[in-house]
Amino acid sequence: MDPSVSKQTYVEDCEVCCNPVEITPQFQDNELVAFEAVDIEQ
């Protein structure tokens, strides 16, 4: 995550089950203000 980018989305594999998870953090003034993690069922 890069706090200089206000909203970003990326995909990471879950360390437990290896399924992909879409991660969406949102920053304001370099501070995390929102976070969403959604399971991408495949």
PDB file of N, CA and C in Angstrom:
ATOM      1  N   MET A   1       0.837  -1.173   0.000  1.00  0.00           N
ATOM      2  CA  MET A   1       0.000   0.000   0.000  1.00  0.00           C
ATOM      3  C   MET A   1       0.881   1.235   0.000  1.00  0.00           C
ATOM      4  N   ASP A   2       0.454   2.210  -0.774  1.00  0.00           N
ATOM      5  CA  ASP A   2       1.175   3.468  -0.873  1.00  0.00           C
ATOM      6  C   ASP A   2       0.262   4.595  -0.393  1.00  0.00           C
ATOM      7  N   PRO A   3       0.484   5.150   0.794  1.00  0.00           N
ATOM      8  CA  PRO A   3      -0.413   6.177   1.328  1.00  0.00           C
ATOM      9  C   PRO A   3      -0.430   7.470   0.527  1.00  0.00           C
ATOM     10  N   SER A   4       0.507   7.643  -0.407  1.00  0.00           N
ATOM     11  CA  SER A   4       0.484   8.850  -1.236  1.00  0.00           C
ATOM     12  C   SER A   4      -0.561   8.758  -2.349  1.00  0.00           C
ATOM     13  N   VAL A   5      -1.113   7.555  -2.572  1.00  0.00           N
ATOM     14  CA  VAL A   5      -2.178   7.336  -3.550  1.00  0.00           C
ATOM     15  C   VAL A   5      -3.484   7.224  -2.778  1.00  0.00           C
ATOM     16  N   SER A   6      -4.451   8.121  -3.047  1.00  0.00           N
ATOM     17  CA  SER A   6      -5.646   8.194  -2.210  1.00  0.00           C
ATOM     18  C   SER A   6      -6.501   6.936  -2.243  1.00  0.00           C
ATOM     19  N   LYS A   7      -6.706   6.333  -3.407  1.00  0.00           N
ATOM     20  CA  LYS A   7      -7.497   5.106  -3.489  1.00  0.00           C
ATOM     21  C   LYS A   7      -6.820   4.159  -4.465  1.00  0.00           C
ATOM     22  N   GLN A   8      -6.691   2.916  -4.063  1.00  0.00           N
ATOM     23  CA  GLN A   8      -6.019   1.924  -4.896  1.00  0.00           C
ATOM     24  C   GLN A   8      -6.673   0.562  -4.699  1.00  0.00           C
ATOM     25  N   THR A   9      -6.510  -0.305  -5.674  1.00  0.00           N
ATOM     26  CA  THR A   9      -7.055  -1.653  -5.606  1.00  0.00           C
ATOM     27  C   THR A   9      -5.999  -2.620  -6.130  1.00  0.00           C
ATOM     28  N   TYR A  10      -5.825  -3.709  -5.428  1.00  0.00           N
ATOM     29  CA  TYR A  10      -4.919  -4.740  -5.903  1.00  0.00           C
ATOM     30  C   TYR A  10      -5.391  -6.095  -5.398  1.00  0.00           C
ATOM     31  N   VAL A  11      -4.817  -7.156  -5.957  1.00  0.00           N
ATOM     32  CA  VAL A  11      -5.217  -8.523  -5.611  1.00  0.00           C
ATOM     33  C   VAL A  11      -4.032  -9.216  -4.960  1.00  0.00           C
ATOM     34  N   GLU A  12      -4.310  -9.890  -3.843  1.00  0.00           N
ATOM     35  CA  GLU A  12      -3.304 -10.691  -3.134  1.00  0.00           C
ATOM     36  C   GLU A  12      -3.899 -12.060  -2.860  1.00  0.00           C
ATOM     37  N   ASP A  13      -3.061 -13.070  -2.784  1.00  0.00           N
ATOM     38  CA  ASP A  13      -3.524 -14.409  -2.418  1.00  0.00           C
ATOM     39  C   ASP A  13      -3.585 -14.517  -0.898  1.00  0.00           C
ATOM     40  N   CYS A  14      -4.649 -15.119  -0.410  1.00  0.00           N
ATOM     41  CA  CYS A  14      -4.802 -15.369   1.023  1.00  0.00           C
ATOM     42  C   CYS A  14      -3.689 -16.314   1.472  1.00  0.00           C
ATOM     43  N   GLU A  15      -3.035 -15.995   2.581  1.00  0.00           N
ATOM     44  CA  GLU A  15      -1.949 -16.833   3.086  1.00  0.00           C
ATOM     45  C   GLU A  15      -2.450 -18.164   3.630  1.00  0.00           C
ATOM     46  N   VAL A  16      -3.723 -18.243   3.982  1.00  0.00           N
ATOM     47  CA  VAL A  16      -4.280 -19.462   4.562  1.00  0.00           C
ATOM     48  C   VAL A  16      -4.821 -20.402   3.491  1.00  0.00           C
ATOM     49  N   CYS A  17      -5.702 -19.867   2.615  1.00  0.00           N
ATOM     50  CA  CYS A  17      -6.378 -20.740   1.650  1.00  0.00           C
ATOM     51  C   CYS A  17      -5.891 -20.562   0.207  1.00  0.00           C
ATOM     52  N   CYS A  18      -5.023 -19.599  -0.028  1.00  0.00           N
ATOM     53  CA  CYS A  18      -4.432 -19.320  -1.351  1.00  0.00           C
ATOM     54  C   CYS A  18      -5.429 -18.782  -2.368  1.00  0.00           C
ATOM     55  N   ASN A  19      -6.658 -18.459  -1.968  1.00  0.00           N
ATOM     56  CA  ASN A  19      -7.626 -17.859  -2.881  1.00  0.00           C
ATOM     57  C   ASN A  19      -7.343 -16.363  -3.017  1.00  0.00           C
ATOM     58  N   PRO A  20      -7.627 -15.780  -4.184  1.00  0.00           N
ATOM     59  CA  PRO A  20      -7.369 -14.354  -4.376  1.00  0.00           C
ATOM     60  C   PRO A  20      -8.355 -13.482  -3.599  1.00  0.00           C
ATOM     61  N   VAL A  21      -7.838 -12.375  -3.084  1.00  0.00           N
ATOM     62  CA  VAL A  21      -8.625 -11.397  -2.338  1.00  0.00           C
ATOM     63  C   VAL A  21      -8.332 -10.024  -2.927  1.00  0.00           C
ATOM     64  N   GLU A  22      -9.395  -9.277  -3.248  1.00  0.00           N
ATOM     65  CA  GLU A  22      -9.223  -7.914  -3.765  1.00  0.00           C
ATOM     66  C   GLU A  22      -9.152  -6.954  -2.578  1.00  0.00           C
ATOM     67  N   ILE A  23      -8.064  -6.218  -2.479  1.00  0.00           N
ATOM     68  CA  ILE A  23      -7.809  -5.291  -1.383  1.00  0.00           C
ATOM     69  C   ILE A  23      -7.987  -3.857  -1.899  1.00  0.00           C
ATOM     70  N   THR A  24      -8.795  -3.057  -1.181  1.00  0.00           N
ATOM     71  CA  THR A  24      -9.014  -1.662  -1.575  1.00  0.00           C
ATOM     72  C   THR A  24      -8.842  -0.753  -0.356  1.00  0.00           C
ATOM     73  N   PRO A  25      -7.622  -0.213  -0.165  1.00  0.00           N
ATOM     74  CA  PRO A  25      -7.423   0.760   0.898  1.00  0.00           C
ATOM     75  C   PRO A  25      -7.683   2.176   0.369  1.00  0.00           C
ATOM     76  N   GLN A  26      -8.107   3.066   1.246  1.00  0.00           N
ATOM     77  CA  GLN A  26      -8.326   4.458   0.851  1.00  0.00           C
ATOM     78  C   GLN A  26      -7.648   5.351   1.889  1.00  0.00           C
ATOM     79  N   PHE A  27      -6.847   6.302   1.418  1.00  0.00           N
ATOM     80  CA  PHE A  27      -6.079   7.179   2.289  1.00  0.00           C
ATOM     81  C   PHE A  27      -6.522   8.627   2.125  1.00  0.00           C
ATOM     82  N   GLN A  28      -6.372   9.378   3.206  1.00  0.00           N
ATOM     83  CA  GLN A  28      -6.602  10.819   3.167  1.00  0.00           C
ATOM     84  C   GLN A  28      -5.502  11.443   4.027  1.00  0.00           C
ATOM     85  N   ASP A  29      -4.744  12.353   3.438  1.00  0.00           N
ATOM     86  CA  ASP A  29      -3.608  12.983   4.128  1.00  0.00           C
ATOM     87  C   ASP A  29      -2.647  11.935   4.691  1.00  0.00           C
ATOM     88  N   ASN A  30      -2.341  10.926   3.862  1.00  0.00           N
ATOM     89  CA  ASN A  30      -1.431   9.826   4.210  1.00  0.00           C
ATOM     90  C   ASN A  30      -1.902   8.987   5.393  1.00  0.00           C
ATOM     91  N   GLU A  31      -3.187   9.042   5.716  1.00  0.00           N
ATOM     92  CA  GLU A  31      -3.749   8.247   6.803  1.00  0.00           C
ATOM     93  C   GLU A  31      -4.830   7.328   6.245  1.00  0.00           C
ATOM     94  N   LEU A  32      -4.817   6.065   6.660  1.00  0.00           N
ATOM     95  CA  LEU A  32      -5.809   5.098   6.209  1.00  0.00           C
ATOM     96  C   LEU A  32      -7.183   5.471   6.773  1.00  0.00           C
ATOM     97  N   VAL A  33      -8.158   5.711   5.876  1.00  0.00           N
ATOM     98  CA  VAL A  33      -9.503   6.100   6.321  1.00  0.00           C
ATOM     99  C   VAL A  33     -10.554   5.048   5.983  1.00  0.00           C
ATOM    100  N   ALA A  34     -10.230   4.119   5.076  1.00  0.00           N
ATOM    101  CA  ALA A  34     -11.178   3.052   4.723  1.00  0.00           C
ATOM    102  C   ALA A  34     -10.375   1.868   4.194  1.00  0.00           C
ATOM    103  N   PHE A  35     -10.931   0.665   4.400  1.00  0.00           N
ATOM    104  CA  PHE A  35     -10.271  -0.553   3.956  1.00  0.00           C
ATOM    105  C   PHE A  35     -11.331  -1.592   3.637  1.00  0.00           C
ATOM    106  N   GLU A  36     -11.190  -2.225   2.476  1.00  0.00           N
ATOM    107  CA  GLU A  36     -12.138  -3.266   2.090  1.00  0.00           C
ATOM    108  C   GLU A  36     -11.344  -4.447   1.537  1.00  0.00           C
ATOM    109  N   ALA A  37     -11.742  -5.652   1.926  1.00  0.00           N
ATOM    110  CA  ALA A  37     -11.143  -6.877   1.407  1.00  0.00           C
ATOM    111  C   ALA A  37     -12.292  -7.781   0.964  1.00  0.00           C
ATOM    112  N   VAL A  38     -12.288  -8.165  -0.325  1.00  0.00           N
ATOM    113  CA  VAL A  38     -13.359  -8.962  -0.885  1.00  0.00           C
ATOM    114  C   VAL A  38     -12.780 -10.240  -1.483  1.00  0.00           C
ATOM    115  N   ASP A  39     -13.361 -11.364  -1.102  1.00  0.00           N
ATOM    116  CA  ASP A  39     -12.974 -12.656  -1.643  1.00  0.00           C
ATOM    117  C   ASP A  39     -13.384 -12.713  -3.119  1.00  0.00           C
ATOM    118  N   ILE A  40     -12.432 -13.074  -3.968  1.00  0.00           N
ATOM    119  CA  ILE A  40     -12.725 -13.236  -5.390  1.00  0.00           C
ATOM    120  C   ILE A  40     -12.902 -14.731  -5.624  1.00  0.00           C
ATOM    121  N   GLU A  41     -14.139 -15.182  -5.626  1.00  0.00           N
ATOM    122  CA  GLU A  41     -14.390 -16.620  -5.780  1.00  0.00           C
ATOM    123  C   GLU A  41     -14.058 -17.065  -7.186  1.00  0.00           C
ATOM    124  N   GLN A  42     -13.254 -18.134  -7.277  1.00  0.00           N
ATOM    125  CA  GLN A  42     -12.876 -18.669  -8.580  1.00  0.00           C
ATOM    126  C   GLN A  42     -13.081 -20.150  -8.585  1.00  0.00           C
TER     127      GLN A  42
END
